[in-house]
Amino acid sequence: MANCHINLSVERINSLRAKMSNFQILMIDEISMVDHRLLEVPWDL
């Protein structure tokens, strides 16, 4: 199976982060496929 990793731009990461800002639960099946910058969340919400 080929490695299908896609690099995300900062703009794309910020866009996804904004879309997910109201999520109360985020389930990730394969954490190794998620860019660590996408999961940088302020925990003092």
N, C-alpha and C. Protein backbone atom coordinates (compact mmCIF):
# COMPACT_ATOMS: atom_id res chain seq x y z
N MET A 1 0.84 -1.17 0.00
CA MET A 1 0.00 0.00 0.00
C MET A 1 0.89 1.24 0.00
N ALA A 2 0.60 2.20 -0.85
CA ALA A 2 1.38 3.43 -0.96
C ALA A 2 1.08 4.38 0.20
N ASN A 3 2.08 5.14 0.57
CA ASN A 3 1.90 6.16 1.60
C ASN A 3 1.20 7.36 0.98
N CYS A 4 0.05 7.74 1.48
CA CYS A 4 -0.76 8.82 0.91
C CYS A 4 -0.80 10.02 1.84
N HIS A 5 0.33 10.45 2.33
CA HIS A 5 0.40 11.59 3.25
C HIS A 5 0.31 12.89 2.46
N ILE A 6 -0.50 13.83 2.92
CA ILE A 6 -0.66 15.12 2.27
C ILE A 6 -0.24 16.21 3.24
N ASN A 7 0.71 17.04 2.84
CA ASN A 7 1.11 18.17 3.68
C ASN A 7 0.06 19.27 3.58
N LEU A 8 -0.31 19.82 4.73
CA LEU A 8 -1.31 20.88 4.77
C LEU A 8 -0.63 22.23 4.95
N SER A 9 -1.15 23.23 4.26
CA SER A 9 -0.64 24.59 4.44
C SER A 9 -1.15 25.14 5.76
N VAL A 10 -0.51 26.18 6.24
CA VAL A 10 -0.94 26.82 7.48
C VAL A 10 -2.37 27.34 7.32
N GLU A 11 -2.68 27.89 6.15
CA GLU A 11 -4.03 28.40 5.90
C GLU A 11 -5.07 27.29 6.00
N ARG A 12 -4.76 26.12 5.43
CA ARG A 12 -5.69 24.99 5.47
C ARG A 12 -5.86 24.48 6.89
N ILE A 13 -4.78 24.41 7.63
CA ILE A 13 -4.86 23.97 9.02
C ILE A 13 -5.72 24.92 9.83
N ASN A 14 -5.51 26.23 9.65
CA ASN A 14 -6.32 27.21 10.38
C ASN A 14 -7.79 27.13 9.98
N SER A 15 -8.06 26.86 8.72
CA SER A 15 -9.44 26.72 8.25
C SER A 15 -10.11 25.51 8.91
N LEU A 16 -9.41 24.39 8.93
CA LEU A 16 -9.96 23.18 9.57
C LEU A 16 -10.14 23.39 11.06
N ARG A 17 -9.18 24.06 11.68
CA ARG A 17 -9.27 24.33 13.12
C ARG A 17 -10.50 25.19 13.42
N ALA A 18 -10.76 26.20 12.57
CA ALA A 18 -11.93 27.06 12.77
C ALA A 18 -13.23 26.28 12.60
N LYS A 19 -13.27 25.38 11.61
CA LYS A 19 -14.47 24.57 11.38
C LYS A 19 -14.75 23.64 12.55
N MET A 20 -13.68 23.19 13.22
CA MET A 20 -13.84 22.25 14.32
C MET A 20 -13.93 22.93 15.68
N SER A 21 -13.93 24.26 15.71
CA SER A 21 -13.86 24.97 16.98
C SER A 21 -15.07 24.72 17.88
N ASN A 22 -16.20 24.34 17.30
CA ASN A 22 -17.40 24.09 18.11
C ASN A 22 -17.62 22.62 18.43
N PHE A 23 -16.69 21.77 18.00
CA PHE A 23 -16.82 20.35 18.32
C PHE A 23 -16.70 20.15 19.82
N GLN A 24 -17.50 19.26 20.35
CA GLN A 24 -17.37 18.91 21.75
C GLN A 24 -16.62 17.59 21.89
N ILE A 25 -16.72 16.75 20.88
CA ILE A 25 -16.01 15.47 20.86
C ILE A 25 -15.42 15.28 19.48
N LEU A 26 -14.14 14.92 19.43
CA LEU A 26 -13.47 14.63 18.17
C LEU A 26 -12.85 13.24 18.31
N MET A 27 -13.35 12.30 17.53
CA MET A 27 -12.83 10.93 17.58
C MET A 27 -11.89 10.74 16.39
N ILE A 28 -10.67 10.31 16.68
CA ILE A 28 -9.68 10.08 15.63
C ILE A 28 -9.30 8.61 15.67
N ASP A 29 -9.55 7.95 14.56
CA ASP A 29 -9.29 6.52 14.48
C ASP A 29 -7.80 6.23 14.29
N GLU A 30 -7.12 7.05 13.55
CA GLU A 30 -5.70 6.81 13.26
C GLU A 30 -4.91 8.09 13.52
N ILE A 31 -4.48 8.28 14.75
CA ILE A 31 -3.83 9.51 15.17
C ILE A 31 -2.56 9.79 14.38
N SER A 32 -1.88 8.77 13.92
CA SER A 32 -0.63 9.00 13.18
C SER A 32 -0.87 9.67 11.83
N MET A 33 -2.11 9.72 11.38
CA MET A 33 -2.42 10.35 10.10
C MET A 33 -2.85 11.81 10.27
N VAL A 34 -2.86 12.32 11.50
CA VAL A 34 -3.29 13.68 11.77
C VAL A 34 -2.07 14.53 12.10
N ASP A 35 -1.93 15.65 11.42
CA ASP A 35 -0.82 16.55 11.66
C ASP A 35 -0.92 17.11 13.08
N HIS A 36 0.18 17.11 13.79
CA HIS A 36 0.18 17.55 15.19
C HIS A 36 -0.27 19.00 15.33
N ARG A 37 -0.04 19.84 14.31
CA ARG A 37 -0.45 21.24 14.39
C ARG A 37 -1.97 21.38 14.39
N LEU A 38 -2.66 20.44 13.77
CA LEU A 38 -4.12 20.50 13.73
C LEU A 38 -4.72 20.27 15.11
N LEU A 39 -4.01 19.54 15.95
CA LEU A 39 -4.53 19.20 17.27
C LEU A 39 -4.07 20.14 18.37
N GLU A 40 -3.36 21.20 18.01
CA GLU A 40 -2.95 22.18 19.01
C GLU A 40 -4.16 23.01 19.40
N VAL A 41 -4.72 22.67 20.54
CA VAL A 41 -5.96 23.27 21.00
C VAL A 41 -5.71 23.97 22.33
N PRO A 42 -6.25 25.19 22.49
CA PRO A 42 -6.13 25.82 23.82
C PRO A 42 -7.02 25.07 24.81
N TRP A 43 -6.44 24.47 25.83
CA TRP A 43 -7.20 23.63 26.76
C TRP A 43 -7.92 24.44 27.83
N ASP A 44 -7.77 25.76 27.81
CA ASP A 44 -8.43 26.58 28.82
C ASP A 44 -9.76 27.14 28.33
N LEU A 45 -10.42 26.44 27.44
CA LEU A 45 -11.71 26.89 26.90
C LEU A 45 -12.79 26.86 27.94
